[in-house]
Amino acid sequence: MFSQEEIDNYRAAVLAAMLAKEDADGRKVMDEKEAKMVLRGFTDDELSDGMPFNTPEEMADMLLSD
């Protein structure tokens, strides 16, 4: 089980990874408002289920590929 602080830190790291992603032309794939909206679709329990298996960068890639 993860603490709320660990989940919050993971969520922040996923958000940062999502915001860092760029397309082939160097443009941001998603703005902060969009990224936060996508992340809000995941509960703390859902995020913590993937934490042992996915880095924040991997989670960002999965969220952006949907």
PDB file of N, CA and C in Angstrom:
ATOM      1  N   MET A   1       0.848  -1.191   0.000  1.00  0.00           N
ATOM      2  CA  MET A   1       0.000   0.000   0.000  1.00  0.00           C
ATOM      3  C   MET A   1       0.883   1.240   0.000  1.00  0.00           C
ATOM      4  N   PHE A   2       0.472   2.230  -0.714  1.00  0.00           N
ATOM      5  CA  PHE A   2       1.222   3.472  -0.819  1.00  0.00           C
ATOM      6  C   PHE A   2       0.561   4.546   0.023  1.00  0.00           C
ATOM      7  N   SER A   3       1.384   5.442   0.542  1.00  0.00           N
ATOM      8  CA  SER A   3       0.849   6.561   1.316  1.00  0.00           C
ATOM      9  C   SER A   3       0.236   7.584   0.360  1.00  0.00           C
ATOM     10  N   GLN A   4      -0.595   8.454   0.900  1.00  0.00           N
ATOM     11  CA  GLN A   4      -1.201   9.504   0.080  1.00  0.00           C
ATOM     12  C   GLN A   4      -0.118  10.393  -0.524  1.00  0.00           C
ATOM     13  N   GLU A   5       0.930  10.649   0.226  1.00  0.00           N
ATOM     14  CA  GLU A   5       2.030  11.476  -0.282  1.00  0.00           C
ATOM     15  C   GLU A   5       2.713  10.809  -1.474  1.00  0.00           C
ATOM     16  N   GLU A   6       2.927   9.503  -1.403  1.00  0.00           N
ATOM     17  CA  GLU A   6       3.549   8.783  -2.518  1.00  0.00           C
ATOM     18  C   GLU A   6       2.653   8.820  -3.756  1.00  0.00           C
ATOM     19  N   ILE A   7       1.364   8.656  -3.555  1.00  0.00           N
ATOM     20  CA  ILE A   7       0.423   8.708  -4.679  1.00  0.00           C
ATOM     21  C   ILE A   7       0.384  10.111  -5.277  1.00  0.00           C
ATOM     22  N   ASP A   8       0.361  11.126  -4.429  1.00  0.00           N
ATOM     23  CA  ASP A   8       0.369  12.514  -4.913  1.00  0.00           C
ATOM     24  C   ASP A   8       1.643  12.810  -5.690  1.00  0.00           C
ATOM     25  N   ASN A   9       2.779  12.321  -5.202  1.00  0.00           N
ATOM     26  CA  ASN A   9       4.055  12.530  -5.892  1.00  0.00           C
ATOM     27  C   ASN A   9       4.070  11.813  -7.240  1.00  0.00           C
ATOM     28  N   TYR A  10       3.527  10.608  -7.273  1.00  0.00           N
ATOM     29  CA  TYR A  10       3.446   9.846  -8.519  1.00  0.00           C
ATOM     30  C   TYR A  10       2.541  10.570  -9.517  1.00  0.00           C
ATOM     31  N   ARG A  11       1.393  11.034  -9.053  1.00  0.00           N
ATOM     32  CA  ARG A  11       0.459  11.770  -9.919  1.00  0.00           C
ATOM     33  C   ARG A  11       1.145  13.018 -10.492  1.00  0.00           C
ATOM     34  N   ALA A  12       1.891  13.736  -9.660  1.00  0.00           N
ATOM     35  CA  ALA A  12       2.608  14.934 -10.117  1.00  0.00           C
ATOM     36  C   ALA A  12       3.682  14.567 -11.137  1.00  0.00           C
ATOM     37  N   ALA A  13       4.361  13.442 -10.921  1.00  0.00           N
ATOM     38  CA  ALA A  13       5.399  13.004 -11.858  1.00  0.00           C
ATOM     39  C   ALA A  13       4.783  12.579 -13.192  1.00  0.00           C
ATOM     40  N   VAL A  14       3.630  11.936 -13.156  1.00  0.00           N
ATOM     41  CA  VAL A  14       2.931  11.565 -14.393  1.00  0.00           C
ATOM     42  C   VAL A  14       2.512  12.829 -15.139  1.00  0.00           C
ATOM     43  N   LEU A  15       1.987  13.798 -14.417  1.00  0.00           N
ATOM     44  CA  LEU A  15       1.591  15.063 -15.037  1.00  0.00           C
ATOM     45  C   LEU A  15       2.793  15.732 -15.699  1.00  0.00           C
ATOM     46  N   ALA A  16       3.908  15.790 -14.998  1.00  0.00           N
ATOM     47  CA  ALA A  16       5.117  16.406 -15.561  1.00  0.00           C
ATOM     48  C   ALA A  16       5.574  15.661 -16.811  1.00  0.00           C
ATOM     49  N   ALA A  17       5.501  14.343 -16.784  1.00  0.00           N
ATOM     50  CA  ALA A  17       5.898  13.549 -17.945  1.00  0.00           C
ATOM     51  C   ALA A  17       4.957  13.797 -19.119  1.00  0.00           C
ATOM     52  N   MET A  18       3.670  13.923 -18.839  1.00  0.00           N
ATOM     53  CA  MET A  18       2.704  14.206 -19.902  1.00  0.00           C
ATOM     54  C   MET A  18       2.982  15.572 -20.526  1.00  0.00           C
ATOM     55  N   LEU A  19       3.285  16.547 -19.695  1.00  0.00           N
ATOM     56  CA  LEU A  19       3.532  17.901 -20.195  1.00  0.00           C
ATOM     57  C   LEU A  19       4.844  18.003 -20.961  1.00  0.00           C
ATOM     58  N   ALA A  20       5.771  17.096 -20.694  1.00  0.00           N
ATOM     59  CA  ALA A  20       7.071  17.121 -21.370  1.00  0.00           C
ATOM     60  C   ALA A  20       7.020  16.482 -22.756  1.00  0.00           C
ATOM     61  N   LYS A  21       5.982  15.721 -23.037  1.00  0.00           N
ATOM     62  CA  LYS A  21       5.886  15.018 -24.324  1.00  0.00           C
ATOM     63  C   LYS A  21       5.642  16.005 -25.459  1.00  0.00           C
ATOM     64  N   GLU A  22       6.377  15.772 -26.552  1.00  0.00           N
ATOM     65  CA  GLU A  22       6.249  16.614 -27.743  1.00  0.00           C
ATOM     66  C   GLU A  22       6.006  15.740 -28.959  1.00  0.00           C
ATOM     67  N   ASP A  23       5.371  16.319 -29.970  1.00  0.00           N
ATOM     68  CA  ASP A  23       5.172  15.586 -31.215  1.00  0.00           C
ATOM     69  C   ASP A  23       6.424  15.720 -32.081  1.00  0.00           C
ATOM     70  N   ALA A  24       6.367  15.196 -33.289  1.00  0.00           N
ATOM     71  CA  ALA A  24       7.524  15.195 -34.183  1.00  0.00           C
ATOM     72  C   ALA A  24       7.985  16.604 -34.549  1.00  0.00           C
ATOM     73  N   ASP A  25       7.084  17.576 -34.457  1.00  0.00           N
ATOM     74  CA  ASP A  25       7.421  18.962 -34.784  1.00  0.00           C
ATOM     75  C   ASP A  25       7.876  19.759 -33.571  1.00  0.00           C
ATOM     76  N   GLY A  26       7.985  19.099 -32.422  1.00  0.00           N
ATOM     77  CA  GLY A  26       8.441  19.781 -31.217  1.00  0.00           C
ATOM     78  C   GLY A  26       7.360  20.522 -30.457  1.00  0.00           C
ATOM     79  N   ARG A  27       6.106  20.288 -30.834  1.00  0.00           N
ATOM     80  CA  ARG A  27       4.991  20.933 -30.125  1.00  0.00           C
ATOM     81  C   ARG A  27       4.509  20.032 -28.996  1.00  0.00           C
ATOM     82  N   LYS A  28       4.053  20.654 -27.933  1.00  0.00           N
ATOM     83  CA  LYS A  28       3.512  19.904 -26.800  1.00  0.00           C
ATOM     84  C   LYS A  28       2.320  19.076 -27.265  1.00  0.00           C
ATOM     85  N   VAL A  29       2.257  17.855 -26.806  1.00  0.00           N
ATOM     86  CA  VAL A  29       1.168  16.962 -27.183  1.00  0.00           C
ATOM     87  C   VAL A  29      -0.120  17.365 -26.478  1.00  0.00           C
ATOM     88  N   MET A  30       0.017  17.870 -25.249  1.00  0.00           N
ATOM     89  CA  MET A  30      -1.152  18.187 -24.439  1.00  0.00           C
ATOM     90  C   MET A  30      -0.816  19.369 -23.541  1.00  0.00           C
ATOM     91  N   ASP A  31      -1.782  20.266 -23.365  1.00  0.00           N
ATOM     92  CA  ASP A  31      -1.535  21.368 -22.438  1.00  0.00           C
ATOM     93  C   ASP A  31      -1.885  20.933 -21.013  1.00  0.00           C
ATOM     94  N   GLU A  32      -1.563  21.779 -20.053  1.00  0.00           N
ATOM     95  CA  GLU A  32      -1.732  21.415 -18.647  1.00  0.00           C
ATOM     96  C   GLU A  32      -3.188  21.147 -18.287  1.00  0.00           C
ATOM     97  N   LYS A  33      -4.084  21.944 -18.818  1.00  0.00           N
ATOM     98  CA  LYS A  33      -5.508  21.762 -18.510  1.00  0.00           C
ATOM     99  C   LYS A  33      -5.988  20.394 -18.988  1.00  0.00           C
ATOM    100  N   GLU A  34      -5.627  20.033 -20.215  1.00  0.00           N
ATOM    101  CA  GLU A  34      -6.020  18.731 -20.764  1.00  0.00           C
ATOM    102  C   GLU A  34      -5.411  17.582 -19.967  1.00  0.00           C
ATOM    103  N   ALA A  35      -4.130  17.713 -19.637  1.00  0.00           N
ATOM    104  CA  ALA A  35      -3.440  16.652 -18.904  1.00  0.00           C
ATOM    105  C   ALA A  35      -4.060  16.440 -17.526  1.00  0.00           C
ATOM    106  N   LYS A  36      -4.379  17.527 -16.850  1.00  0.00           N
ATOM    107  CA  LYS A  36      -5.008  17.407 -15.529  1.00  0.00           C
ATOM    108  C   LYS A  36      -6.379  16.753 -15.638  1.00  0.00           C
ATOM    109  N   MET A  37      -7.098  17.057 -16.709  1.00  0.00           N
ATOM    110  CA  MET A  37      -8.414  16.467 -16.904  1.00  0.00           C
ATOM    111  C   MET A  37      -8.291  14.948 -17.111  1.00  0.00           C
ATOM    112  N   VAL A  38      -7.319  14.537 -17.890  1.00  0.00           N
ATOM    113  CA  VAL A  38      -7.094  13.105 -18.105  1.00  0.00           C
ATOM    114  C   VAL A  38      -6.745  12.429 -16.783  1.00  0.00           C
ATOM    115  N   LEU A  39      -5.851  13.031 -16.020  1.00  0.00           N
ATOM    116  CA  LEU A  39      -5.435  12.438 -14.743  1.00  0.00           C
ATOM    117  C   LEU A  39      -6.569  12.383 -13.730  1.00  0.00           C
ATOM    118  N   ARG A  40      -7.456  13.354 -13.773  1.00  0.00           N
ATOM    119  CA  ARG A  40      -8.600  13.341 -12.846  1.00  0.00           C
ATOM    120  C   ARG A  40      -9.509  12.146 -13.088  1.00  0.00           C
ATOM    121  N   GLY A  41      -9.398  11.558 -14.267  1.00  0.00           N
ATOM    122  CA  GLY A  41     -10.187  10.378 -14.589  1.00  0.00           C
ATOM    123  C   GLY A  41      -9.709   9.122 -13.884  1.00  0.00           C
ATOM    124  N   PHE A  42      -8.594   9.217 -13.172  1.00  0.00           N
ATOM    125  CA  PHE A  42      -8.030   8.070 -12.470  1.00  0.00           C
ATOM    126  C   PHE A  42      -8.041   8.323 -10.976  1.00  0.00           C
ATOM    127  N   THR A  43      -8.620   7.387 -10.249  1.00  0.00           N
ATOM    128  CA  THR A  43      -8.643   7.500  -8.792  1.00  0.00           C
ATOM    129  C   THR A  43      -7.257   7.200  -8.234  1.00  0.00           C
ATOM    130  N   ASP A  44      -7.055   7.550  -6.987  1.00  0.00           N
ATOM    131  CA  ASP A  44      -5.797   7.220  -6.317  1.00  0.00           C
ATOM    132  C   ASP A  44      -5.573   5.713  -6.316  1.00  0.00           C
ATOM    133  N   ASP A  45      -6.631   4.947  -6.098  1.00  0.00           N
ATOM    134  CA  ASP A  45      -6.510   3.482  -6.097  1.00  0.00           C
ATOM    135  C   ASP A  45      -6.071   2.963  -7.459  1.00  0.00           C
ATOM    136  N   GLU A  46      -6.633   3.511  -8.520  1.00  0.00           N
ATOM    137  CA  GLU A  46      -6.253   3.078  -9.868  1.00  0.00           C
ATOM    138  C   GLU A  46      -4.794   3.404 -10.156  1.00  0.00           C
ATOM    139  N   LEU A  47      -4.367   4.591  -9.776  1.00  0.00           N
ATOM    140  CA  LEU A  47      -2.967   4.951  -9.989  1.00  0.00           C
ATOM    141  C   LEU A  47      -2.041   4.082  -9.156  1.00  0.00           C
ATOM    142  N   SER A  48      -2.389   3.867  -7.899  1.00  0.00           N
ATOM    143  CA  SER A  48      -1.505   3.089  -7.023  1.00  0.00           C
ATOM    144  C   SER A  48      -1.395   1.639  -7.483  1.00  0.00           C
ATOM    145  N   ASP A  49      -2.425   1.120  -8.154  1.00  0.00           N
ATOM    146  CA  ASP A  49      -2.349  -0.242  -8.692  1.00  0.00           C
ATOM    147  C   ASP A  49      -1.218  -0.378  -9.704  1.00  0.00           C
ATOM    148  N   GLY A  50      -0.971   0.663 -10.479  1.00  0.00           N
ATOM    149  CA  GLY A  50       0.066   0.607 -11.502  1.00  0.00           C
ATOM    150  C   GLY A  50       1.438   1.061 -11.046  1.00  0.00           C
ATOM    151  N   MET A  51       1.506   1.687  -9.895  1.00  0.00           N
ATOM    152  CA  MET A  51       2.778   2.261  -9.434  1.00  0.00           C
ATOM    153  C   MET A  51       3.923   1.250  -9.346  1.00  0.00           C
ATOM    154  N   PRO A  52       3.688   0.021  -8.884  1.00  0.00           N
ATOM    155  CA  PRO A  52       4.814  -0.918  -8.799  1.00  0.00           C
ATOM    156  C   PRO A  52       5.316  -1.378 -10.169  1.00  0.00           C
ATOM    157  N   PHE A  53       4.514  -1.177 -11.200  1.00  0.00           N
ATOM    158  CA  PHE A  53       4.824  -1.742 -12.506  1.00  0.00           C
ATOM    159  C   PHE A  53       5.189  -0.718 -13.571  1.00  0.00           C
ATOM    160  N   ASN A  54       4.775   0.539 -13.389  1.00  0.00           N
ATOM    161  CA  ASN A  54       4.967   1.561 -14.421  1.00  0.00           C
ATOM    162  C   ASN A  54       5.626   2.805 -13.848  1.00  0.00           C
ATOM    163  N   THR A  55       6.662   3.264 -14.537  1.00  0.00           N
ATOM    164  CA  THR A  55       7.257   4.544 -14.164  1.00  0.00           C
ATOM    165  C   THR A  55       6.260   5.643 -14.528  1.00  0.00           C
ATOM    166  N   PRO A  56       6.420   6.830 -13.980  1.00  0.00           N
ATOM    167  CA  PRO A  56       5.536   7.927 -14.389  1.00  0.00           C
ATOM    168  C   PRO A  56       5.574   8.174 -15.898  1.00  0.00           C
ATOM    169  N   GLU A  57       6.750   8.009 -16.500  1.00  0.00           N
ATOM    170  CA  GLU A  57       6.883   8.218 -17.941  1.00  0.00           C
ATOM    171  C   GLU A  57       6.096   7.166 -18.722  1.00  0.00           C
ATOM    172  N   GLU A  58       6.159   5.913 -18.259  1.00  0.00           N
ATOM    173  CA  GLU A  58       5.395   4.855 -18.922  1.00  0.00           C
ATOM    174  C   GLU A  58       3.898   5.102 -18.783  1.00  0.00           C
ATOM    175  N   MET A  59       3.479   5.528 -17.610  1.00  0.00           N
ATOM    176  CA  MET A  59       2.060   5.831 -17.392  1.00  0.00           C
ATOM    177  C   MET A  59       1.627   6.985 -18.292  1.00  0.00           C
ATOM    178  N   ALA A  60       2.467   8.009 -18.407  1.00  0.00           N
ATOM    179  CA  ALA A  60       2.150   9.141 -19.284  1.00  0.00           C
ATOM    180  C   ALA A  60       1.985   8.673 -20.725  1.00  0.00           C
ATOM    181  N   ASP A  61       2.883   7.801 -21.182  1.00  0.00           N
ATOM    182  CA  ASP A  61       2.777   7.279 -22.544  1.00  0.00           C
ATOM    183  C   ASP A  61       1.463   6.534 -22.749  1.00  0.00           C
ATOM    184  N   MET A  62       1.076   5.733 -21.756  1.00  0.00           N
ATOM    185  CA  MET A  62      -0.184   4.987 -21.868  1.00  0.00           C
ATOM    186  C   MET A  62      -1.379   5.932 -21.917  1.00  0.00           C
ATOM    187  N   LEU A  63      -1.360   6.945 -21.073  1.00  0.00           N
ATOM    188  CA  LEU A  63      -2.478   7.893 -21.034  1.00  0.00           C
ATOM    189  C   LEU A  63      -2.567   8.703 -22.322  1.00  0.00           C
ATOM    190  N   LEU A  64      -1.430   9.040 -22.892  1.00  0.00           N
ATOM    191  CA  LEU A  64      -1.419   9.844 -24.112  1.00  0.00           C
ATOM    192  C   LEU A  64      -1.748   9.021 -25.353  1.00  0.00           C
ATOM    193  N   SER A  65      -1.606   7.719 -25.261  1.00  0.00           N
ATOM    194  CA  SER A  65      -1.880   6.879 -26.429  1.00  0.00           C
ATOM    195  C   SER A  65      -3.358   6.543 -26.572  1.00  0.00           C
ATOM    196  N   ASP A  66      -4.139   6.840 -25.559  1.00  0.00           N
ATOM    197  CA  ASP A  66      -5.585   6.546 -25.617  1.00  0.00           C
ATOM    198  C   ASP A  66      -6.313   7.494 -26.531  1.00  0.00           C
TER     199      ASP A  66
END
